[in-house]
């Protein structure tokens, strides 16, 4: 059971990360999925996505929940029946879940050079402090993407754009935390953002 990492962010908030090493059959065998989840996983064309989906259910169990405790709203945002806030992510061989008494969002991304090609699609203000020639440029872009993806998951509001509506304040990779803002249709809100790196991946999460 490769629970890779558990982070107690504060007394109300915990992050758990899973390293997906098991086969599809091993992940599936010990789970009790509701009908909708079973149909969803069986309909996935990629076994990597299937294993990611199932590993999230194992993370739920590590928190003391089951698949039956989880549901999604019309925007695809996950919720727990007991009212606690949850956010979910998976990327290649890692998945993550954050659960809190406050609104949260989480994202895991593989660090890849091609993120520099699409940077203009999600970065605007942040170009003021980024150095494209620095050796940590790709890693910093990955943090920025992860923070903005986490904000988007937290709000789950159609029409929000990474480049225009989310801001990430200057940071260093050693800081492991920064501040981010949402500026959308008159709404201005500040959030704490944390991030960590492991095995070529970046995990970022934001808390209200």
C-alpha atoms as a PDB file:
ATOM      1  CA  UNK A   1       0.000   0.000   0.000  1.00  0.00           C
ATOM      2  CA  UNK A   2       2.203   2.840  -1.205  1.00  0.00           C
ATOM      3  CA  UNK A   3       0.900   5.821   0.724  1.00  0.00           C
ATOM      4  CA  UNK A   4       3.831   7.967  -0.357  1.00  0.00           C
ATOM      5  CA  UNK A   5       3.429  10.992   1.863  1.00  0.00           C
ATOM      6  CA  UNK A   6       1.059  12.439   4.450  1.00  0.00           C
ATOM      7  CA  UNK A   7       1.262  16.134   5.306  1.00  0.00           C
ATOM      8  CA  UNK A   8      -0.526  17.719   8.255  1.00  0.00           C
ATOM      9  CA  UNK A   9      -0.852  21.260   6.920  1.00  0.00           C
ATOM     10  CA  UNK A  10      -2.674  22.454  10.023  1.00  0.00           C
ATOM     11  CA  UNK A  11      -5.124  21.026  12.552  1.00  0.00           C
ATOM     12  CA  UNK A  12      -7.974  21.144   9.995  1.00  0.00           C
ATOM     13  CA  UNK A  13      -6.119  20.226   6.799  1.00  0.00           C
ATOM     14  CA  UNK A  14      -4.283  17.095   5.604  1.00  0.00           C
ATOM     15  CA  UNK A  15      -2.690  16.144   2.281  1.00  0.00           C
ATOM     16  CA  UNK A  16      -2.067  12.517   1.336  1.00  0.00           C
ATOM     17  CA  UNK A  17      -0.099  11.446  -1.737  1.00  0.00           C
ATOM     18  CA  UNK A  18      -0.123   7.962  -3.290  1.00  0.00           C
ATOM     19  CA  UNK A  19       2.583   6.462  -5.486  1.00  0.00           C
ATOM     20  CA  UNK A  20       0.749   4.289  -7.993  1.00  0.00           C
ATOM     21  CA  UNK A  21       2.758   1.084  -8.192  1.00  0.00           C
ATOM     22  CA  UNK A  22       0.005  -1.549  -8.067  1.00  0.00           C
ATOM     23  CA  UNK A  23      -1.676  -3.152 -11.044  1.00  0.00           C
ATOM     24  CA  UNK A  24      -5.229  -2.279 -12.016  1.00  0.00           C
ATOM     25  CA  UNK A  25      -6.438  -5.619 -10.630  1.00  0.00           C
ATOM     26  CA  UNK A  26      -4.695  -5.143  -7.285  1.00  0.00           C
ATOM     27  CA  UNK A  27      -6.129  -1.645  -6.898  1.00  0.00           C
ATOM     28  CA  UNK A  28      -9.617  -2.768  -7.868  1.00  0.00           C
ATOM     29  CA  UNK A  29      -9.811  -5.984  -5.843  1.00  0.00           C
ATOM     30  CA  UNK A  30     -10.153  -4.442  -2.386  1.00  0.00           C
ATOM     31  CA  UNK A  31     -12.473  -1.549  -3.286  1.00  0.00           C
ATOM     32  CA  UNK A  32     -16.249  -1.289  -2.998  1.00  0.00           C
ATOM     33  CA  UNK A  33     -17.217   1.159  -5.733  1.00  0.00           C
ATOM     34  CA  UNK A  34     -20.684   2.578  -6.225  1.00  0.00           C
ATOM     35  CA  UNK A  35     -22.297   1.882  -9.605  1.00  0.00           C
ATOM     36  CA  UNK A  36     -21.490   5.293 -11.110  1.00  0.00           C
ATOM     37  CA  UNK A  37     -17.807   5.031 -10.167  1.00  0.00           C
ATOM     38  CA  UNK A  38     -17.561   1.495 -11.530  1.00  0.00           C
ATOM     39  CA  UNK A  39     -19.093   2.580 -14.840  1.00  0.00           C
ATOM     40  CA  UNK A  40     -16.731   5.532 -14.974  1.00  0.00           C
ATOM     41  CA  UNK A  41     -13.567   3.516 -14.391  1.00  0.00           C
ATOM     42  CA  UNK A  42     -14.602   0.750 -16.806  1.00  0.00           C
ATOM     43  CA  UNK A  43     -15.238   3.406 -19.470  1.00  0.00           C
ATOM     44  CA  UNK A  44     -11.711   4.811 -19.274  1.00  0.00           C
ATOM     45  CA  UNK A  45      -9.560   3.904 -22.281  1.00  0.00           C
ATOM     46  CA  UNK A  46      -6.231   4.340 -20.483  1.00  0.00           C
ATOM     47  CA  UNK A  47      -5.159   1.950 -17.737  1.00  0.00           C
ATOM     48  CA  UNK A  48      -3.017   4.778 -16.335  1.00  0.00           C
ATOM     49  CA  UNK A  49      -6.179   6.836 -15.812  1.00  0.00           C
ATOM     50  CA  UNK A  50      -7.974   3.827 -14.348  1.00  0.00           C
ATOM     51  CA  UNK A  51      -5.185   3.257 -11.850  1.00  0.00           C
ATOM     52  CA  UNK A  52      -5.146   6.956 -10.976  1.00  0.00           C
ATOM     53  CA  UNK A  53      -8.893   6.924 -10.362  1.00  0.00           C
ATOM     54  CA  UNK A  54      -8.663   3.813  -8.188  1.00  0.00           C
ATOM     55  CA  UNK A  55      -5.664   5.079  -6.221  1.00  0.00           C
ATOM     56  CA  UNK A  56      -7.709   8.133  -5.246  1.00  0.00           C
ATOM     57  CA  UNK A  57     -10.290   5.764  -3.722  1.00  0.00           C
ATOM     58  CA  UNK A  58      -7.477   4.170  -1.712  1.00  0.00           C
ATOM     59  CA  UNK A  59      -6.475   7.646  -0.519  1.00  0.00           C
ATOM     60  CA  UNK A  60     -10.073   8.246   0.537  1.00  0.00           C
ATOM     61  CA  UNK A  61      -9.875   5.073   2.584  1.00  0.00           C
ATOM     62  CA  UNK A  62      -6.641   6.308   4.188  1.00  0.00           C
ATOM     63  CA  UNK A  63      -8.664   9.312   5.357  1.00  0.00           C
ATOM     64  CA  UNK A  64     -11.413   7.038   6.694  1.00  0.00           C
ATOM     65  CA  UNK A  65     -13.864   7.599   3.828  1.00  0.00           C
ATOM     66  CA  UNK A  66     -15.300   5.328   1.144  1.00  0.00           C
ATOM     67  CA  UNK A  67     -16.294   5.893  -2.463  1.00  0.00           C
ATOM     68  CA  UNK A  68     -19.881   6.220  -1.226  1.00  0.00           C
ATOM     69  CA  UNK A  69     -18.913   9.330   0.768  1.00  0.00           C
ATOM     70  CA  UNK A  70     -17.827  11.194  -2.374  1.00  0.00           C
ATOM     71  CA  UNK A  71     -20.023  12.979  -4.900  1.00  0.00           C
ATOM     72  CA  UNK A  72     -19.593  15.581  -7.653  1.00  0.00           C
ATOM     73  CA  UNK A  73     -21.568  18.733  -8.449  1.00  0.00           C
ATOM     74  CA  UNK A  74     -22.625  19.958 -11.913  1.00  0.00           C
ATOM     75  CA  UNK A  75     -19.219  21.605 -12.460  1.00  0.00           C
ATOM     76  CA  UNK A  76     -17.397  18.370 -11.673  1.00  0.00           C
ATOM     77  CA  UNK A  77     -16.187  19.553  -8.282  1.00  0.00           C
ATOM     78  CA  UNK A  78     -15.872  16.779  -5.664  1.00  0.00           C
ATOM     79  CA  UNK A  79     -17.632  16.985  -2.297  1.00  0.00           C
ATOM     80  CA  UNK A  80     -17.833  14.845   0.821  1.00  0.00           C
ATOM     81  CA  UNK A  81     -21.171  13.984   2.393  1.00  0.00           C
ATOM     82  CA  UNK A  82     -20.009  15.121   5.851  1.00  0.00           C
ATOM     83  CA  UNK A  83     -19.445  18.669   4.563  1.00  0.00           C
ATOM     84  CA  UNK A  84     -15.656  18.728   4.701  1.00  0.00           C
ATOM     85  CA  UNK A  85     -13.887  20.194   1.677  1.00  0.00           C
ATOM     86  CA  UNK A  86     -11.932  17.940  -0.670  1.00  0.00           C
ATOM     87  CA  UNK A  87      -9.794  18.306  -3.785  1.00  0.00           C
ATOM     88  CA  UNK A  88      -8.343  15.500  -5.905  1.00  0.00           C
ATOM     89  CA  UNK A  89      -5.502  15.148  -8.397  1.00  0.00           C
ATOM     90  CA  UNK A  90      -3.573  12.477 -10.256  1.00  0.00           C
ATOM     91  CA  UNK A  91      -0.729  12.636 -12.751  1.00  0.00           C
ATOM     92  CA  UNK A  92       1.006   9.611 -14.253  1.00  0.00           C
ATOM     93  CA  UNK A  93       2.268   7.620 -11.235  1.00  0.00           C
ATOM     94  CA  UNK A  94       1.116   9.872  -8.397  1.00  0.00           C
ATOM     95  CA  UNK A  95      -2.243  10.895  -7.001  1.00  0.00           C
ATOM     96  CA  UNK A  96      -3.161  13.244  -4.183  1.00  0.00           C
ATOM     97  CA  UNK A  97      -6.103  14.238  -1.999  1.00  0.00           C
ATOM     98  CA  UNK A  98      -6.458  17.221   0.322  1.00  0.00           C
ATOM     99  CA  UNK A  99      -9.258  17.388   2.901  1.00  0.00           C
ATOM    100  CA  UNK A 100      -9.973  20.390   5.112  1.00  0.00           C
ATOM    101  CA  UNK A 101     -12.558  22.358   7.040  1.00  0.00           C
ATOM    102  CA  UNK A 102     -11.837  25.207   4.585  1.00  0.00           C
ATOM    103  CA  UNK A 103     -12.035  25.480   0.800  1.00  0.00           C
ATOM    104  CA  UNK A 104      -8.990  23.838  -0.798  1.00  0.00           C
ATOM    105  CA  UNK A 105      -7.504  22.853  -4.147  1.00  0.00           C
ATOM    106  CA  UNK A 106      -4.628  20.519  -5.071  1.00  0.00           C
ATOM    107  CA  UNK A 107      -2.673  19.611  -8.203  1.00  0.00           C
ATOM    108  CA  UNK A 108       0.205  17.276  -9.054  1.00  0.00           C
ATOM    109  CA  UNK A 109       2.138  17.822 -12.279  1.00  0.00           C
ATOM    110  CA  UNK A 110       5.070  16.079 -13.920  1.00  0.00           C
ATOM    111  CA  UNK A 111       7.955  18.487 -14.510  1.00  0.00           C
ATOM    112  CA  UNK A 112       8.385  18.672 -18.296  1.00  0.00           C
ATOM    113  CA  UNK A 113      10.232  21.084 -20.572  1.00  0.00           C
ATOM    114  CA  UNK A 114       7.204  21.494 -22.829  1.00  0.00           C
ATOM    115  CA  UNK A 115       5.502  23.627 -20.172  1.00  0.00           C
ATOM    116  CA  UNK A 116       7.718  26.494 -21.403  1.00  0.00           C
ATOM    117  CA  UNK A 117       6.026  26.278 -24.805  1.00  0.00           C
ATOM    118  CA  UNK A 118       2.565  26.904 -23.332  1.00  0.00           C
ATOM    119  CA  UNK A 119       3.676  29.358 -20.628  1.00  0.00           C
ATOM    120  CA  UNK A 120       2.073  32.338 -22.387  1.00  0.00           C
ATOM    121  CA  UNK A 121      -1.321  30.655 -22.024  1.00  0.00           C
ATOM    122  CA  UNK A 122      -1.258  30.706 -18.219  1.00  0.00           C
ATOM    123  CA  UNK A 123       1.409  33.257 -17.225  1.00  0.00           C
ATOM    124  CA  UNK A 124       1.198  37.037 -17.469  1.00  0.00           C
ATOM    125  CA  UNK A 125       2.068  38.958 -14.287  1.00  0.00           C
ATOM    126  CA  UNK A 126       4.517  36.227 -13.233  1.00  0.00           C
ATOM    127  CA  UNK A 127       6.771  36.914 -16.253  1.00  0.00           C
ATOM    128  CA  UNK A 128       7.850  40.063 -14.385  1.00  0.00           C
ATOM    129  CA  UNK A 129       9.864  37.979 -11.923  1.00  0.00           C
ATOM    130  CA  UNK A 130      10.600  34.795 -13.879  1.00  0.00           C
ATOM    131  CA  UNK A 131      14.033  34.338 -15.479  1.00  0.00           C
ATOM    132  CA  UNK A 132      13.712  32.234 -18.627  1.00  0.00           C
ATOM    133  CA  UNK A 133      17.439  31.453 -18.559  1.00  0.00           C
ATOM    134  CA  UNK A 134      17.490  30.254 -14.954  1.00  0.00           C
ATOM    135  CA  UNK A 135      17.985  26.544 -14.324  1.00  0.00           C
ATOM    136  CA  UNK A 136      14.848  26.465 -12.168  1.00  0.00           C
ATOM    137  CA  UNK A 137      12.608  28.069 -14.834  1.00  0.00           C
ATOM    138  CA  UNK A 138      10.737  24.838 -15.694  1.00  0.00           C
ATOM    139  CA  UNK A 139      10.264  23.984 -12.022  1.00  0.00           C
ATOM    140  CA  UNK A 140       8.927  27.454 -11.256  1.00  0.00           C
ATOM    141  CA  UNK A 141       6.533  27.333 -14.191  1.00  0.00           C
ATOM    142  CA  UNK A 142       5.304  23.978 -12.901  1.00  0.00           C
ATOM    143  CA  UNK A 143       4.673  25.483  -9.459  1.00  0.00           C
ATOM    144  CA  UNK A 144       2.755  28.389 -11.013  1.00  0.00           C
ATOM    145  CA  UNK A 145       0.637  26.028 -13.102  1.00  0.00           C
ATOM    146  CA  UNK A 146      -0.031  23.839 -10.057  1.00  0.00           C
ATOM    147  CA  UNK A 147      -1.064  26.783  -7.894  1.00  0.00           C
ATOM    148  CA  UNK A 148      -3.371  28.163 -10.580  1.00  0.00           C
ATOM    149  CA  UNK A 149      -4.849  24.736 -11.293  1.00  0.00           C
ATOM    150  CA  UNK A 150      -5.484  24.378  -7.551  1.00  0.00           C
ATOM    151  CA  UNK A 151      -7.237  27.764  -7.468  1.00  0.00           C
ATOM    152  CA  UNK A 152      -9.351  26.767 -10.448  1.00  0.00           C
ATOM    153  CA  UNK A 153     -10.359  23.532  -8.733  1.00  0.00           C
ATOM    154  CA  UNK A 154     -11.205  25.426  -5.559  1.00  0.00           C
ATOM    155  CA  UNK A 155     -13.544  27.800  -7.395  1.00  0.00           C
ATOM    156  CA  UNK A 156     -14.718  25.474 -10.170  1.00  0.00           C
ATOM    157  CA  UNK A 157     -16.327  28.417 -11.960  1.00  0.00           C
ATOM    158  CA  UNK A 158     -16.662  28.333 -15.759  1.00  0.00           C
ATOM    159  CA  UNK A 159     -15.081  31.412 -17.331  1.00  0.00           C
ATOM    160  CA  UNK A 160     -12.109  31.743 -14.986  1.00  0.00           C
ATOM    161  CA  UNK A 161      -8.808  31.970 -16.874  1.00  0.00           C
ATOM    162  CA  UNK A 162      -5.395  31.082 -15.464  1.00  0.00           C
ATOM    163  CA  UNK A 163      -3.575  34.000 -17.082  1.00  0.00           C
ATOM    164  CA  UNK A 164      -6.075  36.765 -16.460  1.00  0.00           C
ATOM    165  CA  UNK A 165      -7.713  35.897 -13.138  1.00  0.00           C
ATOM    166  CA  UNK A 166      -5.049  34.178 -11.000  1.00  0.00           C
ATOM    167  CA  UNK A 167      -1.828  35.735  -9.674  1.00  0.00           C
ATOM    168  CA  UNK A 168       1.096  33.998  -7.971  1.00  0.00           C
ATOM    169  CA  UNK A 169       3.334  36.258  -5.869  1.00  0.00           C
ATOM    170  CA  UNK A 170       7.158  35.941  -6.344  1.00  0.00           C
ATOM    171  CA  UNK A 171       8.668  32.875  -4.667  1.00  0.00           C
ATOM    172  CA  UNK A 172      11.732  30.650  -4.549  1.00  0.00           C
ATOM    173  CA  UNK A 173      11.605  26.872  -4.703  1.00  0.00           C
ATOM    174  CA  UNK A 174      13.202  26.720  -1.255  1.00  0.00           C
ATOM    175  CA  UNK A 175      10.351  28.743   0.267  1.00  0.00           C
ATOM    176  CA  UNK A 176       7.859  25.904  -0.269  1.00  0.00           C
ATOM    177  CA  UNK A 177       5.078  28.473   0.118  1.00  0.00           C
ATOM    178  CA  UNK A 178       3.818  31.717  -1.366  1.00  0.00           C
ATOM    179  CA  UNK A 179       0.671  33.803  -1.677  1.00  0.00           C
ATOM    180  CA  UNK A 180      -1.745  33.766  -4.588  1.00  0.00           C
ATOM    181  CA  UNK A 181      -4.699  35.908  -5.540  1.00  0.00           C
ATOM    182  CA  UNK A 182      -7.883  35.602  -7.487  1.00  0.00           C
ATOM    183  CA  UNK A 183      -9.132  38.696  -9.295  1.00  0.00           C
ATOM    184  CA  UNK A 184     -12.377  37.854 -11.074  1.00  0.00           C
ATOM    185  CA  UNK A 185     -15.398  40.031 -11.797  1.00  0.00           C
ATOM    186  CA  UNK A 186     -14.850  42.285  -8.791  1.00  0.00           C
ATOM    187  CA  UNK A 187     -13.894  39.415  -6.495  1.00  0.00           C
ATOM    188  CA  UNK A 188     -10.407  39.833  -5.013  1.00  0.00           C
ATOM    189  CA  UNK A 189      -9.305  37.101  -2.643  1.00  0.00           C
ATOM    190  CA  UNK A 190      -5.991  36.035  -1.130  1.00  0.00           C
ATOM    191  CA  UNK A 191      -4.901  32.440  -0.565  1.00  0.00           C
ATOM    192  CA  UNK A 192      -1.933  30.637   0.916  1.00  0.00           C
ATOM    193  CA  UNK A 193      -0.179  28.317  -1.527  1.00  0.00           C
ATOM    194  CA  UNK A 194       2.242  25.505  -0.666  1.00  0.00           C
ATOM    195  CA  UNK A 195       4.286  23.331  -2.988  1.00  0.00           C
ATOM    196  CA  UNK A 196       6.766  20.461  -2.851  1.00  0.00           C
ATOM    197  CA  UNK A 197       8.829  18.497  -5.355  1.00  0.00           C
ATOM    198  CA  UNK A 198       9.477  14.746  -5.496  1.00  0.00           C
ATOM    199  CA  UNK A 199      10.745  12.299  -8.132  1.00  0.00           C
ATOM    200  CA  UNK A 200      10.334  14.774 -11.000  1.00  0.00           C
ATOM    201  CA  UNK A 201       6.846  15.880  -9.939  1.00  0.00           C
ATOM    202  CA  UNK A 202       5.469  19.025  -8.300  1.00  0.00           C
ATOM    203  CA  UNK A 203       2.516  19.100  -5.927  1.00  0.00           C
ATOM    204  CA  UNK A 204       0.837  22.407  -5.140  1.00  0.00           C
ATOM    205  CA  UNK A 205      -2.150  23.115  -2.925  1.00  0.00           C
ATOM    206  CA  UNK A 206      -4.029  26.227  -1.857  1.00  0.00           C
ATOM    207  CA  UNK A 207      -6.109  26.889   1.242  1.00  0.00           C
ATOM    208  CA  UNK A 208      -8.650  29.603   1.851  1.00  0.00           C
END
